Amino acid sequence: MFNLNEMLKQKGFVLYENAYIVVIATIKSTNKKTGEMIQIWILVKNVDPVTASRKKLDFLNCGDCKHRHSKNGACYVNLGQAPLKIYKSYKKGLYYNGVDSVEQFIKVVKAKDLKIRWGAYGDPSFIPQNIVNKINQETKTEKNSFNTGYSHQWHKMKVSKSFMASVDSKHEKARANAKGYRTFRVTVKNDLTKDEIFCPSDTNKNITCKTCGLCDGSRNAKNIAILIHGSRKKNFSSVA
């Protein structure tokens, strides 16, 4: 039986896996934009991320997202860096993967007082939503009042409204809002609607996701927009 001190030493946890995907939570992060948040990765299970994209298998963890690398999209994630490293670590058995992984993970989140970013790569809609809800409900405390997350699958799957609906046009934004989702819209210009604000980090680089928290879909706040960024931003096209 593992105690909390042993769990606190874990680099990550396997929260869920089936025949197609594996969901991994990594505890430490060097992502300057998010700050020190736990990162949740949804990866194709039996093929590394680079190969999965090349073979067009990334629909298994990203759904029909138009920004997938395999569709020559604008996804900012460098598959050959963190996703590949995490996949290799998973294959080496470096992450805790017990029948009580979710429960142990929750204990670590609360003990370390960390916030969670769902979907550092991959769409969190592919995680059983009862697992998402359990983790969110049990880790949100007075100190940790939010976890962030985004999904492009809001239009076709039953997705937790704790996630922001990722949209790429004003038309998509209106559809998602009508379904009860707050939205995170990528744009190429200054075209805010009256119920949107730009991501605070766009105007103040000292603000991180860890200190902001507006991208918790369950919060009562305005919708968020952000200017397209990343090395593949030239591949983005908007139909707003």
C-alpha atoms as a PDB file:
ATOM      1  CA  MET A   1       0.000   0.000   0.000  1.00  0.00           C
ATOM      2  CA  PHE A   2       1.497   3.330  -1.086  1.00  0.00           C
ATOM      3  CA  ASN A   3       1.367   6.290   1.301  1.00  0.00           C
ATOM      4  CA  LEU A   4       0.989   9.958   0.385  1.00  0.00           C
ATOM      5  CA  ASN A   5       4.704  10.709   0.705  1.00  0.00           C
ATOM      6  CA  GLU A   6       5.470   8.064  -1.923  1.00  0.00           C
ATOM      7  CA  MET A   7       2.715   9.435  -4.179  1.00  0.00           C
ATOM      8  CA  LEU A   8       4.123  12.954  -3.898  1.00  0.00           C
ATOM      9  CA  LYS A   9       7.323  11.699  -5.514  1.00  0.00           C
ATOM     10  CA  GLN A  10       5.499  10.484  -8.634  1.00  0.00           C
ATOM     11  CA  LYS A  11       6.213  12.336 -11.880  1.00  0.00           C
ATOM     12  CA  GLY A  12       2.806  11.535 -13.235  1.00  0.00           C
ATOM     13  CA  PHE A  13      -0.311   9.382 -13.144  1.00  0.00           C
ATOM     14  CA  VAL A  14      -2.157   7.325 -15.742  1.00  0.00           C
ATOM     15  CA  LEU A  15      -5.738   8.430 -15.158  1.00  0.00           C
ATOM     16  CA  TYR A  16      -7.435   6.337 -17.843  1.00  0.00           C
ATOM     17  CA  GLU A  17      -6.658   4.082 -20.782  1.00  0.00           C
ATOM     18  CA  ASN A  18      -8.579   1.966 -23.225  1.00  0.00           C
ATOM     19  CA  ALA A  19      -7.636   0.194 -26.447  1.00  0.00           C
ATOM     20  CA  TYR A  20      -7.072   3.499 -28.256  1.00  0.00           C
ATOM     21  CA  ILE A  21      -5.941   6.276 -25.908  1.00  0.00           C
ATOM     22  CA  VAL A  22      -4.115   6.870 -22.656  1.00  0.00           C
ATOM     23  CA  VAL A  23      -4.694   9.853 -20.362  1.00  0.00           C
ATOM     24  CA  ILE A  24      -1.650  11.008 -18.407  1.00  0.00           C
ATOM     25  CA  ALA A  25      -1.296  13.729 -15.785  1.00  0.00           C
ATOM     26  CA  THR A  26       2.199  15.161 -15.390  1.00  0.00           C
ATOM     27  CA  ILE A  27       2.860  16.975 -12.136  1.00  0.00           C
ATOM     28  CA  LYS A  28       5.641  19.413 -12.988  1.00  0.00           C
ATOM     29  CA  SER A  29       5.475  21.924 -15.824  1.00  0.00           C
ATOM     30  CA  THR A  30       7.878  24.457 -17.319  1.00  0.00           C
ATOM     31  CA  ASN A  31       5.181  26.038 -19.508  1.00  0.00           C
ATOM     32  CA  LYS A  32       5.688  29.787 -19.016  1.00  0.00           C
ATOM     33  CA  LYS A  33       2.230  30.730 -20.293  1.00  0.00           C
ATOM     34  CA  THR A  34       0.293  28.425 -17.986  1.00  0.00           C
ATOM     35  CA  GLY A  35       2.598  28.596 -14.996  1.00  0.00           C
ATOM     36  CA  GLU A  36       3.057  25.602 -12.714  1.00  0.00           C
ATOM     37  CA  MET A  37      -0.137  23.684 -13.443  1.00  0.00           C
ATOM     38  CA  ILE A  38      -0.673  19.945 -13.735  1.00  0.00           C
ATOM     39  CA  GLN A  39      -0.877  19.091 -17.430  1.00  0.00           C
ATOM     40  CA  ILE A  40      -3.295  16.451 -18.735  1.00  0.00           C
ATOM     41  CA  TRP A  41      -2.253  14.704 -21.945  1.00  0.00           C
ATOM     42  CA  ILE A  42      -4.563  12.588 -24.096  1.00  0.00           C
ATOM     43  CA  LEU A  43      -2.385  10.442 -26.360  1.00  0.00           C
ATOM     44  CA  VAL A  44      -2.884   7.650 -28.866  1.00  0.00           C
ATOM     45  CA  LYS A  45      -2.020   4.568 -26.824  1.00  0.00           C
ATOM     46  CA  ASN A  46       0.066   2.292 -29.029  1.00  0.00           C
ATOM     47  CA  VAL A  47       1.711   4.732 -31.442  1.00  0.00           C
ATOM     48  CA  ASP A  48       3.913   7.675 -30.535  1.00  0.00           C
ATOM     49  CA  PRO A  49       2.410  11.148 -31.203  1.00  0.00           C
ATOM     50  CA  VAL A  50       4.616  11.958 -34.182  1.00  0.00           C
ATOM     51  CA  THR A  51       3.847   8.661 -35.917  1.00  0.00           C
ATOM     52  CA  ALA A  52       0.177   8.869 -34.967  1.00  0.00           C
ATOM     53  CA  SER A  53      -0.068  12.229 -36.698  1.00  0.00           C
ATOM     54  CA  ARG A  54       1.820  11.003 -39.765  1.00  0.00           C
ATOM     55  CA  LYS A  55      -0.513   8.010 -40.040  1.00  0.00           C
ATOM     56  CA  LYS A  56      -3.549  10.253 -39.460  1.00  0.00           C
ATOM     57  CA  LEU A  57      -4.450   8.411 -36.259  1.00  0.00           C
ATOM     58  CA  ASP A  58      -4.675  11.617 -34.257  1.00  0.00           C
ATOM     59  CA  PHE A  59      -8.449  11.600 -34.706  1.00  0.00           C
ATOM     60  CA  LEU A  60      -8.386   9.087 -31.850  1.00  0.00           C
ATOM     61  CA  ASN A  61      -7.268  11.715 -29.335  1.00  0.00           C
ATOM     62  CA  CYS A  62      -8.132  14.980 -31.093  1.00  0.00           C
ATOM     63  CA  GLY A  63     -11.379  14.114 -32.857  1.00  0.00           C
ATOM     64  CA  ASP A  64     -12.253  16.234 -35.874  1.00  0.00           C
ATOM     65  CA  CYS A  65     -10.256  19.280 -34.749  1.00  0.00           C
ATOM     66  CA  LYS A  66      -9.346  21.186 -37.900  1.00  0.00           C
ATOM     67  CA  HIS A  67      -6.003  22.216 -36.410  1.00  0.00           C
ATOM     68  CA  ARG A  68      -4.495  18.718 -36.260  1.00  0.00           C
ATOM     69  CA  HIS A  69      -0.993  18.378 -37.693  1.00  0.00           C
ATOM     70  CA  SER A  70      -2.238  15.569 -39.925  1.00  0.00           C
ATOM     71  CA  LYS A  71      -4.607  18.069 -41.562  1.00  0.00           C
ATOM     72  CA  ASN A  72      -1.816  20.632 -41.939  1.00  0.00           C
ATOM     73  CA  GLY A  73      -3.539  22.686 -39.282  1.00  0.00           C
ATOM     74  CA  ALA A  74      -2.370  25.411 -36.925  1.00  0.00           C
ATOM     75  CA  CYS A  75      -1.991  23.366 -33.716  1.00  0.00           C
ATOM     76  CA  TYR A  76       0.773  25.005 -31.676  1.00  0.00           C
ATOM     77  CA  VAL A  77       1.845  21.774 -29.927  1.00  0.00           C
ATOM     78  CA  ASN A  78       5.265  20.479 -30.997  1.00  0.00           C
ATOM     79  CA  LEU A  79       4.601  16.744 -31.101  1.00  0.00           C
ATOM     80  CA  GLY A  80       8.301  15.883 -31.107  1.00  0.00           C
ATOM     81  CA  GLN A  81       8.891  17.587 -27.777  1.00  0.00           C
ATOM     82  CA  ALA A  82       6.719  17.157 -24.668  1.00  0.00           C
ATOM     83  CA  PRO A  83       4.100  14.739 -26.120  1.00  0.00           C
ATOM     84  CA  LEU A  84       6.777  12.386 -27.454  1.00  0.00           C
ATOM     85  CA  LYS A  85       8.777  12.532 -24.214  1.00  0.00           C
ATOM     86  CA  ILE A  86       5.682  11.780 -22.142  1.00  0.00           C
ATOM     87  CA  TYR A  87       4.667   8.921 -24.426  1.00  0.00           C
ATOM     88  CA  LYS A  88       8.114   7.334 -24.084  1.00  0.00           C
ATOM     89  CA  SER A  89       7.997   7.741 -20.305  1.00  0.00           C
ATOM     90  CA  TYR A  90       4.598   6.053 -20.247  1.00  0.00           C
ATOM     91  CA  LYS A  91       5.930   3.126 -22.266  1.00  0.00           C
ATOM     92  CA  LYS A  92       8.803   2.799 -19.784  1.00  0.00           C
ATOM     93  CA  GLY A  93       6.311   2.582 -16.926  1.00  0.00           C
ATOM     94  CA  LEU A  94       7.508   5.781 -15.254  1.00  0.00           C
ATOM     95  CA  TYR A  95       4.026   6.992 -14.283  1.00  0.00           C
ATOM     96  CA  TYR A  96       1.894   5.568 -11.513  1.00  0.00           C
ATOM     97  CA  ASN A  97      -0.711   3.270 -13.041  1.00  0.00           C
ATOM     98  CA  GLY A  98      -2.711   1.475 -10.368  1.00  0.00           C
ATOM     99  CA  VAL A  99      -6.376   0.718  -9.932  1.00  0.00           C
ATOM    100  CA  ASP A 100      -6.432   3.691  -7.545  1.00  0.00           C
ATOM    101  CA  SER A 101      -4.612   6.125  -9.863  1.00  0.00           C
ATOM    102  CA  VAL A 102      -7.421   8.679  -9.912  1.00  0.00           C
ATOM    103  CA  GLU A 103      -7.811   8.629  -6.133  1.00  0.00           C
ATOM    104  CA  GLN A 104      -4.062   8.916  -5.537  1.00  0.00           C
ATOM    105  CA  PHE A 105      -3.821  11.703  -8.105  1.00  0.00           C
ATOM    106  CA  ILE A 106      -6.547  13.670  -6.336  1.00  0.00           C
ATOM    107  CA  LYS A 107      -4.649  13.365  -3.042  1.00  0.00           C
ATOM    108  CA  VAL A 108      -1.477  14.720  -4.673  1.00  0.00           C
ATOM    109  CA  VAL A 109      -3.294  17.647  -6.317  1.00  0.00           C
ATOM    110  CA  LYS A 110      -4.810  18.660  -2.991  1.00  0.00           C
ATOM    111  CA  ALA A 111      -1.590  18.147  -1.033  1.00  0.00           C
ATOM    112  CA  LYS A 112       0.440  20.234  -3.481  1.00  0.00           C
ATOM    113  CA  ASP A 113      -2.396  22.755  -3.944  1.00  0.00           C
ATOM    114  CA  LEU A 114      -1.998  22.685  -7.729  1.00  0.00           C
ATOM    115  CA  LYS A 115      -4.411  23.610 -10.490  1.00  0.00           C
ATOM    116  CA  ILE A 116      -5.114  21.401 -13.510  1.00  0.00           C
ATOM    117  CA  ARG A 117      -4.934  22.134 -17.224  1.00  0.00           C
ATOM    118  CA  TRP A 118      -7.048  19.612 -19.111  1.00  0.00           C
ATOM    119  CA  GLY A 119      -5.799  18.954 -22.633  1.00  0.00           C
ATOM    120  CA  ALA A 120      -2.187  20.112 -22.893  1.00  0.00           C
ATOM    121  CA  TYR A 121      -2.410  17.909 -25.979  1.00  0.00           C
ATOM    122  CA  GLY A 122      -5.462  15.977 -27.088  1.00  0.00           C
ATOM    123  CA  ASP A 123      -9.137  16.700 -26.450  1.00  0.00           C
ATOM    124  CA  PRO A 124     -10.390  16.016 -22.906  1.00  0.00           C
ATOM    125  CA  SER A 125     -13.827  15.083 -24.239  1.00  0.00           C
ATOM    126  CA  PHE A 126     -12.359  11.616 -24.848  1.00  0.00           C
ATOM    127  CA  ILE A 127     -11.859  11.126 -21.108  1.00  0.00           C
ATOM    128  CA  PRO A 128     -14.904   9.581 -19.428  1.00  0.00           C
ATOM    129  CA  GLN A 129     -16.683  12.632 -18.078  1.00  0.00           C
ATOM    130  CA  ASN A 130     -17.391  10.956 -14.730  1.00  0.00           C
ATOM    131  CA  ILE A 131     -13.607  10.935 -14.178  1.00  0.00           C
ATOM    132  CA  VAL A 132     -13.352  14.594 -15.192  1.00  0.00           C
ATOM    133  CA  ASN A 133     -16.218  15.551 -12.892  1.00  0.00           C
ATOM    134  CA  LYS A 134     -14.825  13.563  -9.951  1.00  0.00           C
ATOM    135  CA  ILE A 135     -11.389  15.166 -10.252  1.00  0.00           C
ATOM    136  CA  ASN A 136     -12.768  18.684 -10.715  1.00  0.00           C
ATOM    137  CA  GLN A 137     -15.222  18.366  -7.837  1.00  0.00           C
ATOM    138  CA  GLU A 138     -12.671  16.973  -5.398  1.00  0.00           C
ATOM    139  CA  THR A 139      -9.735  19.236  -6.289  1.00  0.00           C
ATOM    140  CA  LYS A 140     -11.518  22.561  -6.413  1.00  0.00           C
ATOM    141  CA  THR A 141     -11.132  24.011  -2.937  1.00  0.00           C
ATOM    142  CA  GLU A 142     -11.160  27.468  -1.383  1.00  0.00           C
ATOM    143  CA  LYS A 143      -7.523  27.877  -2.421  1.00  0.00           C
ATOM    144  CA  ASN A 144      -7.881  26.106  -5.766  1.00  0.00           C
ATOM    145  CA  SER A 145     -11.087  27.576  -7.145  1.00  0.00           C
ATOM    146  CA  PHE A 146     -10.581  26.568 -10.772  1.00  0.00           C
ATOM    147  CA  ASN A 147      -9.147  24.119 -13.289  1.00  0.00           C
ATOM    148  CA  THR A 148      -8.918  24.998 -16.984  1.00  0.00           C
ATOM    149  CA  GLY A 149      -9.785  23.013 -20.094  1.00  0.00           C
ATOM    150  CA  TYR A 150     -10.792  23.262 -23.746  1.00  0.00           C
ATOM    151  CA  SER A 151     -12.659  21.051 -26.197  1.00  0.00           C
ATOM    152  CA  HIS A 152     -13.281  21.211 -29.929  1.00  0.00           C
ATOM    153  CA  GLN A 153     -15.817  18.390 -29.656  1.00  0.00           C
ATOM    154  CA  TRP A 154     -18.629  20.388 -27.994  1.00  0.00           C
ATOM    155  CA  HIS A 155     -20.701  20.222 -31.193  1.00  0.00           C
ATOM    156  CA  LYS A 156     -20.875  16.423 -31.388  1.00  0.00           C
ATOM    157  CA  MET A 157     -20.140  14.906 -27.964  1.00  0.00           C
ATOM    158  CA  LYS A 158     -21.495  15.307 -24.452  1.00  0.00           C
ATOM    159  CA  VAL A 159     -18.721  17.475 -23.048  1.00  0.00           C
ATOM    160  CA  SER A 160     -18.471  18.819 -19.512  1.00  0.00           C
ATOM    161  CA  LYS A 161     -19.317  22.500 -19.287  1.00  0.00           C
ATOM    162  CA  SER A 162     -16.314  22.866 -17.014  1.00  0.00           C
ATOM    163  CA  PHE A 163     -14.442  23.038 -20.332  1.00  0.00           C
ATOM    164  CA  MET A 164     -14.365  26.021 -22.643  1.00  0.00           C
ATOM    165  CA  ALA A 165     -15.702  25.329 -26.117  1.00  0.00           C
ATOM    166  CA  SER A 166     -12.835  25.912 -28.552  1.00  0.00           C
ATOM    167  CA  VAL A 167     -14.160  27.842 -31.538  1.00  0.00           C
ATOM    168  CA  ASP A 168     -12.605  29.446 -34.600  1.00  0.00           C
ATOM    169  CA  SER A 169     -15.256  31.878 -35.792  1.00  0.00           C
ATOM    170  CA  LYS A 170     -18.042  34.096 -34.520  1.00  0.00           C
ATOM    171  CA  HIS A 171     -20.532  31.661 -36.032  1.00  0.00           C
ATOM    172  CA  GLU A 172     -19.098  28.758 -34.035  1.00  0.00           C
ATOM    173  CA  LYS A 173     -19.034  30.957 -30.941  1.00  0.00           C
ATOM    174  CA  ALA A 174     -22.747  31.711 -31.260  1.00  0.00           C
ATOM    175  CA  ARG A 175     -23.569  27.999 -31.683  1.00  0.00           C
ATOM    176  CA  ALA A 176     -21.524  26.998 -28.646  1.00  0.00           C
ATOM    177  CA  ASN A 177     -22.962  29.791 -26.495  1.00  0.00           C
ATOM    178  CA  ALA A 178     -26.460  28.645 -27.474  1.00  0.00           C
ATOM    179  CA  LYS A 179     -25.559  25.199 -26.115  1.00  0.00           C
ATOM    180  CA  GLY A 180     -24.565  26.735 -22.791  1.00  0.00           C
ATOM    181  CA  TYR A 181     -20.788  26.773 -23.235  1.00  0.00           C
ATOM    182  CA  ARG A 182     -18.447  29.648 -22.622  1.00  0.00           C
ATOM    183  CA  THR A 183     -16.062  29.935 -25.557  1.00  0.00           C
ATOM    184  CA  PHE A 184     -12.383  30.308 -26.295  1.00  0.00           C
ATOM    185  CA  ARG A 185     -12.118  31.776 -29.797  1.00  0.00           C
ATOM    186  CA  VAL A 186      -8.963  31.965 -31.885  1.00  0.00           C
ATOM    187  CA  THR A 187      -8.831  34.923 -34.243  1.00  0.00           C
ATOM    188  CA  VAL A 188      -6.429  36.723 -36.561  1.00  0.00           C
ATOM    189  CA  LYS A 189      -7.664  40.259 -35.854  1.00  0.00           C
ATOM    190  CA  ASN A 190      -9.075  42.598 -33.224  1.00  0.00           C
ATOM    191  CA  ASP A 191     -12.737  41.668 -33.684  1.00  0.00           C
ATOM    192  CA  LEU A 192     -14.107  41.172 -30.188  1.00  0.00           C
ATOM    193  CA  THR A 193     -17.835  40.831 -29.695  1.00  0.00           C
ATOM    194  CA  LYS A 194     -19.472  42.624 -26.755  1.00  0.00           C
ATOM    195  CA  ASP A 195     -19.393  39.513 -24.572  1.00  0.00           C
ATOM    196  CA  GLU A 196     -15.715  38.675 -25.180  1.00  0.00           C
ATOM    197  CA  ILE A 197     -12.391  39.799 -23.793  1.00  0.00           C
ATOM    198  CA  PHE A 198      -8.911  39.036 -25.053  1.00  0.00           C
ATOM    199  CA  CYS A 199      -6.908  36.488 -23.087  1.00  0.00           C
ATOM    200  CA  PRO A 200      -5.296  38.613 -20.342  1.00  0.00           C
ATOM    201  CA  SER A 201      -1.866  37.159 -21.146  1.00  0.00           C
ATOM    202  CA  ASP A 202      -2.073  38.783 -24.592  1.00  0.00           C
ATOM    203  CA  THR A 203      -1.741  42.193 -22.973  1.00  0.00           C
ATOM    204  CA  ASN A 204       0.169  41.317 -19.803  1.00  0.00           C
ATOM    205  CA  LYS A 205       2.840  38.636 -20.033  1.00  0.00           C
ATOM    206  CA  ASN A 206       3.063  38.492 -16.228  1.00  0.00           C
ATOM    207  CA  ILE A 207      -0.386  36.900 -16.121  1.00  0.00           C
ATOM    208  CA  THR A 208      -0.405  33.100 -16.374  1.00  0.00           C
ATOM    209  CA  CYS A 209      -3.234  30.590 -16.582  1.00  0.00           C
ATOM    210  CA  LYS A 210      -2.383  29.640 -12.996  1.00  0.00           C
ATOM    211  CA  THR A 211      -3.066  33.176 -11.756  1.00  0.00           C
ATOM    212  CA  CYS A 212      -5.964  33.946 -14.107  1.00  0.00           C
ATOM    213  CA  GLY A 213      -8.424  31.050 -14.169  1.00  0.00           C
ATOM    214  CA  LEU A 214     -10.887  32.576 -16.625  1.00  0.00           C
ATOM    215  CA  CYS A 215     -10.704  29.448 -18.791  1.00  0.00           C
ATOM    216  CA  ASP A 216     -12.635  27.366 -16.292  1.00  0.00           C
ATOM    217  CA  GLY A 217     -15.825  26.962 -18.310  1.00  0.00           C
ATOM    218  CA  SER A 218     -17.979  26.804 -15.194  1.00  0.00           C
ATOM    219  CA  ARG A 219     -17.024  30.319 -14.087  1.00  0.00           C
ATOM    220  CA  ASN A 220     -19.455  33.186 -14.546  1.00  0.00           C
ATOM    221  CA  ALA A 221     -17.313  35.319 -16.837  1.00  0.00           C
ATOM    222  CA  LYS A 222     -17.066  36.627 -20.368  1.00  0.00           C
ATOM    223  CA  ASN A 223     -16.005  34.502 -23.308  1.00  0.00           C
ATOM    224  CA  ILE A 224     -12.316  34.582 -24.181  1.00  0.00           C
ATOM    225  CA  ALA A 225     -10.626  35.367 -27.495  1.00  0.00           C
ATOM    226  CA  ILE A 226      -6.949  35.057 -28.364  1.00  0.00           C
ATOM    227  CA  LEU A 227      -4.827  36.035 -31.335  1.00  0.00           C
ATOM    228  CA  ILE A 228      -3.502  33.027 -33.227  1.00  0.00           C
ATOM    229  CA  HIS A 229      -0.027  32.074 -32.054  1.00  0.00           C
ATOM    230  CA  GLY A 230       2.567  29.345 -32.467  1.00  0.00           C
ATOM    231  CA  SER A 231       4.978  28.330 -35.211  1.00  0.00           C
ATOM    232  CA  ARG A 232       2.132  27.002 -37.405  1.00  0.00           C
ATOM    233  CA  LYS A 233      -0.122  30.054 -37.151  1.00  0.00           C
ATOM    234  CA  LYS A 234       0.152  30.702 -40.886  1.00  0.00           C
ATOM    235  CA  ASN A 235      -1.987  27.592 -41.371  1.00  0.00           C
ATOM    236  CA  PHE A 236      -4.937  29.119 -39.523  1.00  0.00           C
ATOM    237  CA  SER A 237      -7.915  30.384 -41.447  1.00  0.00           C
ATOM    238  CA  SER A 238     -11.040  31.878 -39.907  1.00  0.00           C
ATOM    239  CA  VAL A 239     -14.537  32.030 -41.353  1.00  0.00           C
ATOM    240  CA  ALA A 240     -15.712  34.673 -38.896  1.00  0.00           C
END
